Amino acid sequence: MKIFLTEIEAYGATFAGPNIIAKSIEEAEEAAKNNGMNVIGELDSIYIDNEAAQHMNVLQTERTIH
């Protein structure tokens, strides 16, 4: 299973949406579409450096994620 990040538009602005957990981007996009959201990428990792700052890395996708 993979974690896909979403966004949603409301009140004339774009907001982060809920994460979708699915086997493929196609499944995630279908779930997002059915709920008025857009898939913006796949969560790859969260890296914590020596200063304890968190950095999220997101794979941007055109539909194919390797």
PDB file of N, CA and C in Angstrom:
ATOM      1  N   MET A   1       0.840  -1.174   0.000  1.00  0.00           N
ATOM      2  CA  MET A   1       0.000   0.000   0.000  1.00  0.00           C
ATOM      3  C   MET A   1       0.886   1.238   0.000  1.00  0.00           C
ATOM      4  N   LYS A   2       0.398   2.279  -0.637  1.00  0.00           N
ATOM      5  CA  LYS A   2       1.111   3.541  -0.741  1.00  0.00           C
ATOM      6  C   LYS A   2       0.232   4.657  -0.176  1.00  0.00           C
ATOM      7  N   ILE A   3       0.870   5.770   0.197  1.00  0.00           N
ATOM      8  CA  ILE A   3       0.149   6.924   0.712  1.00  0.00           C
ATOM      9  C   ILE A   3       0.184   8.012  -0.352  1.00  0.00           C
ATOM     10  N   PHE A   4      -1.000   8.458  -0.767  1.00  0.00           N
ATOM     11  CA  PHE A   4      -1.115   9.503  -1.770  1.00  0.00           C
ATOM     12  C   PHE A   4      -1.651  10.774  -1.115  1.00  0.00           C
ATOM     13  N   LEU A   5      -1.036  11.903  -1.457  1.00  0.00           N
ATOM     14  CA  LEU A   5      -1.427  13.193  -0.906  1.00  0.00           C
ATOM     15  C   LEU A   5      -2.429  13.844  -1.839  1.00  0.00           C
ATOM     16  N   THR A   6      -3.393  14.562  -1.252  1.00  0.00           N
ATOM     17  CA  THR A   6      -4.436  15.187  -2.053  1.00  0.00           C
ATOM     18  C   THR A   6      -4.557  16.667  -1.729  1.00  0.00           C
ATOM     19  N   GLU A   7      -5.295  17.363  -2.593  1.00  0.00           N
ATOM     20  CA  GLU A   7      -5.665  18.745  -2.335  1.00  0.00           C
ATOM     21  C   GLU A   7      -7.128  18.900  -2.707  1.00  0.00           C
ATOM     22  N   ILE A   8      -7.746  19.921  -2.125  1.00  0.00           N
ATOM     23  CA  ILE A   8      -9.158  20.199  -2.377  1.00  0.00           C
ATOM     24  C   ILE A   8      -9.333  21.706  -2.504  1.00  0.00           C
ATOM     25  N   GLU A   9     -10.208  22.115  -3.391  1.00  0.00           N
ATOM     26  CA  GLU A   9     -10.491  23.536  -3.565  1.00  0.00           C
ATOM     27  C   GLU A   9     -11.813  23.859  -2.888  1.00  0.00           C
ATOM     28  N   ALA A  10     -11.787  24.927  -2.066  1.00  0.00           N
ATOM     29  CA  ALA A  10     -12.986  25.382  -1.369  1.00  0.00           C
ATOM     30  C   ALA A  10     -12.818  26.853  -1.030  1.00  0.00           C
ATOM     31  N   TYR A  11     -13.918  27.583  -1.050  1.00  0.00           N
ATOM     32  CA  TYR A  11     -13.913  29.003  -0.678  1.00  0.00           C
ATOM     33  C   TYR A  11     -12.914  29.802  -1.511  1.00  0.00           C
ATOM     34  N   GLY A  12     -12.698  29.402  -2.752  1.00  0.00           N
ATOM     35  CA  GLY A  12     -11.792  30.118  -3.637  1.00  0.00           C
ATOM     36  C   GLY A  12     -10.318  29.899  -3.357  1.00  0.00           C
ATOM     37  N   ALA A  13      -9.992  28.893  -2.563  1.00  0.00           N
ATOM     38  CA  ALA A  13      -8.595  28.599  -2.220  1.00  0.00           C
ATOM     39  C   ALA A  13      -8.344  27.101  -2.316  1.00  0.00           C
ATOM     40  N   THR A  14      -7.076  26.735  -2.374  1.00  0.00           N
ATOM     41  CA  THR A  14      -6.685  25.328  -2.408  1.00  0.00           C
ATOM     42  C   THR A  14      -6.128  24.937  -1.048  1.00  0.00           C
ATOM     43  N   PHE A  15      -6.611  23.810  -0.519  1.00  0.00           N
ATOM     44  CA  PHE A  15      -6.194  23.310   0.787  1.00  0.00           C
ATOM     45  C   PHE A  15      -5.654  21.893   0.666  1.00  0.00           C
ATOM     46  N   ALA A  16      -4.823  21.494   1.616  1.00  0.00           N
ATOM     47  CA  ALA A  16      -4.383  20.100   1.694  1.00  0.00           C
ATOM     48  C   ALA A  16      -5.598  19.242   2.014  1.00  0.00           C
ATOM     49  N   GLY A  17      -5.701  18.121   1.321  1.00  0.00           N
ATOM     50  CA  GLY A  17      -6.795  17.199   1.578  1.00  0.00           C
ATOM     51  C   GLY A  17      -6.298  16.018   2.396  1.00  0.00           C
ATOM     52  N   PRO A  18      -7.165  15.069   2.649  1.00  0.00           N
ATOM     53  CA  PRO A  18      -6.758  13.888   3.405  1.00  0.00           C
ATOM     54  C   PRO A  18      -5.845  12.992   2.567  1.00  0.00           C
ATOM     55  N   ASN A  19      -5.063  12.186   3.236  1.00  0.00           N
ATOM     56  CA  ASN A  19      -4.237  11.204   2.534  1.00  0.00           C
ATOM     57  C   ASN A  19      -5.117  10.042   2.092  1.00  0.00           C
ATOM     58  N   ILE A  20      -4.773   9.463   0.960  1.00  0.00           N
ATOM     59  CA  ILE A  20      -5.464   8.262   0.476  1.00  0.00           C
ATOM     60  C   ILE A  20      -4.459   7.124   0.495  1.00  0.00           C
ATOM     61  N   ILE A  21      -4.835   6.022   1.099  1.00  0.00           N
ATOM     62  CA  ILE A  21      -3.989   4.830   1.130  1.00  0.00           C
ATOM     63  C   ILE A  21      -4.571   3.842   0.129  1.00  0.00           C
ATOM     64  N   ALA A  22      -3.765   3.534  -0.901  1.00  0.00           N
ATOM     65  CA  ALA A  22      -4.235   2.663  -1.980  1.00  0.00           C
ATOM     66  C   ALA A  22      -3.059   1.891  -2.568  1.00  0.00           C
ATOM     67  N   LYS A  23      -3.376   0.850  -3.325  1.00  0.00           N
ATOM     68  CA  LYS A  23      -2.336   0.033  -3.961  1.00  0.00           C
ATOM     69  C   LYS A  23      -1.720   0.720  -5.168  1.00  0.00           C
ATOM     70  N   SER A  24      -2.485   1.570  -5.850  1.00  0.00           N
ATOM     71  CA  SER A  24      -1.978   2.204  -7.064  1.00  0.00           C
ATOM     72  C   SER A  24      -2.488   3.632  -7.170  1.00  0.00           C
ATOM     73  N   ILE A  25      -1.824   4.411  -8.011  1.00  0.00           N
ATOM     74  CA  ILE A  25      -2.260   5.787  -8.231  1.00  0.00           C
ATOM     75  C   ILE A  25      -3.622   5.819  -8.911  1.00  0.00           C
ATOM     76  N   GLU A  26      -3.914   4.830  -9.747  1.00  0.00           N
ATOM     77  CA  GLU A  26      -5.222   4.780 -10.399  1.00  0.00           C
ATOM     78  C   GLU A  26      -6.342   4.647  -9.373  1.00  0.00           C
ATOM     79  N   GLU A  27      -6.151   3.776  -8.377  1.00  0.00           N
ATOM     80  CA  GLU A  27      -7.153   3.627  -7.319  1.00  0.00           C
ATOM     81  C   GLU A  27      -7.284   4.915  -6.507  1.00  0.00           C
ATOM     82  N   ALA A  28      -6.154   5.539  -6.202  1.00  0.00           N
ATOM     83  CA  ALA A  28      -6.167   6.776  -5.428  1.00  0.00           C
ATOM     84  C   ALA A  28      -6.861   7.890  -6.204  1.00  0.00           C
ATOM     85  N   GLU A  29      -6.575   8.010  -7.499  1.00  0.00           N
ATOM     86  CA  GLU A  29      -7.212   9.046  -8.307  1.00  0.00           C
ATOM     87  C   GLU A  29      -8.710   8.836  -8.415  1.00  0.00           C
ATOM     88  N   GLU A  30      -9.150   7.606  -8.502  1.00  0.00           N
ATOM     89  CA  GLU A  30     -10.589   7.318  -8.559  1.00  0.00           C
ATOM     90  C   GLU A  30     -11.263   7.722  -7.252  1.00  0.00           C
ATOM     91  N   ALA A  31     -10.633   7.372  -6.128  1.00  0.00           N
ATOM     92  CA  ALA A  31     -11.187   7.747  -4.821  1.00  0.00           C
ATOM     93  C   ALA A  31     -11.212   9.262  -4.658  1.00  0.00           C
ATOM     94  N   ALA A  32     -10.145   9.928  -5.093  1.00  0.00           N
ATOM     95  CA  ALA A  32     -10.085  11.384  -4.997  1.00  0.00           C
ATOM     96  C   ALA A  32     -11.170  12.026  -5.861  1.00  0.00           C
ATOM     97  N   LYS A  33     -11.311  11.556  -7.081  1.00  0.00           N
ATOM     98  CA  LYS A  33     -12.320  12.088  -8.002  1.00  0.00           C
ATOM     99  C   LYS A  33     -13.718  11.946  -7.411  1.00  0.00           C
ATOM    100  N   ASN A  34     -14.000  10.799  -6.826  1.00  0.00           N
ATOM    101  CA  ASN A  34     -15.316  10.546  -6.242  1.00  0.00           C
ATOM    102  C   ASN A  34     -15.602  11.425  -5.026  1.00  0.00           C
ATOM    103  N   ASN A  35     -14.564  12.045  -4.483  1.00  0.00           N
ATOM    104  CA  ASN A  35     -14.722  12.880  -3.289  1.00  0.00           C
ATOM    105  C   ASN A  35     -14.342  14.339  -3.533  1.00  0.00           C
ATOM    106  N   GLY A  36     -14.237  14.734  -4.809  1.00  0.00           N
ATOM    107  CA  GLY A  36     -13.984  16.121  -5.150  1.00  0.00           C
ATOM    108  C   GLY A  36     -12.581  16.610  -4.834  1.00  0.00           C
ATOM    109  N   MET A  37     -11.599  15.711  -4.892  1.00  0.00           N
ATOM    110  CA  MET A  37     -10.213  16.065  -4.582  1.00  0.00           C
ATOM    111  C   MET A  37      -9.316  15.725  -5.767  1.00  0.00           C
ATOM    112  N   ASN A  38      -8.058  16.167  -5.688  1.00  0.00           N
ATOM    113  CA  ASN A  38      -7.047  15.843  -6.683  1.00  0.00           C
ATOM    114  C   ASN A  38      -5.851  15.196  -5.995  1.00  0.00           C
ATOM    115  N   VAL A  39      -5.312  14.141  -6.597  1.00  0.00           N
ATOM    116  CA  VAL A  39      -4.072  13.546  -6.102  1.00  0.00           C
ATOM    117  C   VAL A  39      -2.929  14.421  -6.590  1.00  0.00           C
ATOM    118  N   ILE A  40      -2.041  14.825  -5.668  1.00  0.00           N
ATOM    119  CA  ILE A  40      -0.918  15.672  -6.064  1.00  0.00           C
ATOM    120  C   ILE A  40       0.416  14.949  -6.011  1.00  0.00           C
ATOM    121  N   GLY A  41       0.465  13.776  -5.404  1.00  0.00           N
ATOM    122  CA  GLY A  41       1.711  13.033  -5.361  1.00  0.00           C
ATOM    123  C   GLY A  41       1.654  11.888  -4.369  1.00  0.00           C
ATOM    124  N   GLU A  42       2.772  11.193  -4.283  1.00  0.00           N
ATOM    125  CA  GLU A  42       2.908  10.057  -3.377  1.00  0.00           C
ATOM    126  C   GLU A  42       3.893  10.421  -2.278  1.00  0.00           C
ATOM    127  N   LEU A  43       3.531  10.138  -1.035  1.00  0.00           N
ATOM    128  CA  LEU A  43       4.445  10.383   0.078  1.00  0.00           C
ATOM    129  C   LEU A  43       5.583   9.389  -0.014  1.00  0.00           C
ATOM    130  N   ASP A  44       6.793   9.909  -0.110  1.00  0.00           N
ATOM    131  CA  ASP A  44       7.972   9.063  -0.264  1.00  0.00           C
ATOM    132  C   ASP A  44       8.620   8.809   1.088  1.00  0.00           C
ATOM    133  N   SER A  45       8.915   9.872   1.832  1.00  0.00           N
ATOM    134  CA  SER A  45       9.584   9.708   3.120  1.00  0.00           C
ATOM    135  C   SER A  45       9.496  10.993   3.926  1.00  0.00           C
ATOM    136  N   ILE A  46       9.789  10.880   5.193  1.00  0.00           N
ATOM    137  CA  ILE A  46       9.951  12.028   6.075  1.00  0.00           C
ATOM    138  C   ILE A  46      11.350  11.917   6.643  1.00  0.00           C
ATOM    139  N   TYR A  47      12.145  12.950   6.422  1.00  0.00           N
ATOM    140  CA  TYR A  47      13.536  12.950   6.852  1.00  0.00           C
ATOM    141  C   TYR A  47      13.693  13.914   8.021  1.00  0.00           C
ATOM    142  N   ILE A  48      14.308  13.465   9.092  1.00  0.00           N
ATOM    143  CA  ILE A  48      14.575  14.308  10.247  1.00  0.00           C
ATOM    144  C   ILE A  48      16.083  14.462  10.355  1.00  0.00           C
ATOM    145  N   ASP A  49      16.559  15.722  10.247  1.00  0.00           N
ATOM    146  CA  ASP A  49      18.002  15.953  10.298  1.00  0.00           C
ATOM    147  C   ASP A  49      18.467  16.170  11.742  1.00  0.00           C
ATOM    148  N   ASN A  50      19.724  16.491  11.898  1.00  0.00           N
ATOM    149  CA  ASN A  50      20.310  16.640  13.231  1.00  0.00           C
ATOM    150  C   ASN A  50      19.699  17.764  14.043  1.00  0.00           C
ATOM    151  N   GLU A  51      19.096  18.757  13.392  1.00  0.00           N
ATOM    152  CA  GLU A  51      18.461  19.857  14.109  1.00  0.00           C
ATOM    153  C   GLU A  51      16.999  19.560  14.402  1.00  0.00           C
ATOM    154  N   ALA A  52      16.553  18.353  14.182  1.00  0.00           N
ATOM    155  CA  ALA A  52      15.186  17.901  14.444  1.00  0.00           C
ATOM    156  C   ALA A  52      14.155  18.618  13.577  1.00  0.00           C
ATOM    157  N   ALA A  53      14.570  19.177  12.451  1.00  0.00           N
ATOM    158  CA  ALA A  53      13.623  19.783  11.513  1.00  0.00           C
ATOM    159  C   ALA A  53      13.073  18.673  10.614  1.00  0.00           C
ATOM    160  N   GLN A  54      11.789  18.708  10.356  1.00  0.00           N
ATOM    161  CA  GLN A  54      11.183  17.678   9.516  1.00  0.00           C
ATOM    162  C   GLN A  54      11.069  18.186   8.087  1.00  0.00           C
ATOM    163  N   HIS A  55      11.368  17.311   7.148  1.00  0.00           N
ATOM    164  CA  HIS A  55      11.279  17.635   5.730  1.00  0.00           C
ATOM    165  C   HIS A  55      10.513  16.517   5.048  1.00  0.00           C
ATOM    166  N   MET A  56       9.380  16.849   4.431  1.00  0.00           N
ATOM    167  CA  MET A  56       8.630  15.838   3.706  1.00  0.00           C
ATOM    168  C   MET A  56       9.022  15.862   2.242  1.00  0.00           C
ATOM    169  N   ASN A  57       9.288  14.705   1.694  1.00  0.00           N
ATOM    170  CA  ASN A  57       9.625  14.565   0.282  1.00  0.00           C
ATOM    171  C   ASN A  57       8.438  13.970  -0.440  1.00  0.00           C
ATOM    172  N   VAL A  58       7.974  14.627  -1.475  1.00  0.00           N
ATOM    173  CA  VAL A  58       6.821  14.176  -2.233  1.00  0.00           C
ATOM    174  C   VAL A  58       7.232  13.953  -3.674  1.00  0.00           C
ATOM    175  N   LEU A  59       6.851  12.810  -4.200  1.00  0.00           N
ATOM    176  CA  LEU A  59       7.095  12.538  -5.608  1.00  0.00           C
ATOM    177  C   LEU A  59       5.961  13.141  -6.416  1.00  0.00           C
ATOM    178  N   GLN A  60       6.243  14.113  -7.260  1.00  0.00           N
ATOM    179  CA  GLN A  60       5.228  14.672  -8.138  1.00  0.00           C
ATOM    180  C   GLN A  60       4.986  13.660  -9.251  1.00  0.00           C
ATOM    181  N   THR A  61       3.775  13.599  -9.716  1.00  0.00           N
ATOM    182  CA  THR A  61       3.460  12.575 -10.709  1.00  0.00           C
ATOM    183  C   THR A  61       2.594  13.109 -11.832  1.00  0.00           C
ATOM    184  N   GLU A  62       2.798  12.544 -12.991  1.00  0.00           N
ATOM    185  CA  GLU A  62       1.943  12.796 -14.149  1.00  0.00           C
ATOM    186  C   GLU A  62       0.994  11.607 -14.316  1.00  0.00           C
ATOM    187  N   ARG A  63       1.086  10.601 -13.543  1.00  0.00           N
ATOM    188  CA  ARG A  63       0.291   9.385 -13.467  1.00  0.00           C
ATOM    189  C   ARG A  63       1.188   8.174 -13.239  1.00  0.00           C
ATOM    190  N   THR A  64       2.441   8.197 -13.689  1.00  0.00           N
ATOM    191  CA  THR A  64       3.316   7.056 -13.557  1.00  0.00           C
ATOM    192  C   THR A  64       4.290   7.304 -12.424  1.00  0.00           C
ATOM    193  N   ILE A  65       4.265   6.442 -11.430  1.00  0.00           N
ATOM    194  CA  ILE A  65       5.195   6.540 -10.310  1.00  0.00           C
ATOM    195  C   ILE A  65       6.013   5.262 -10.277  1.00  0.00           C
ATOM    196  N   HIS A  66       7.316   5.407 -10.229  1.00  0.00           N
ATOM    197  CA  HIS A  66       8.201   4.241 -10.205  1.00  0.00           C
ATOM    198  C   HIS A  66       8.809   4.080  -8.838  1.00  0.00           C
TER     199      HIS A  66
END
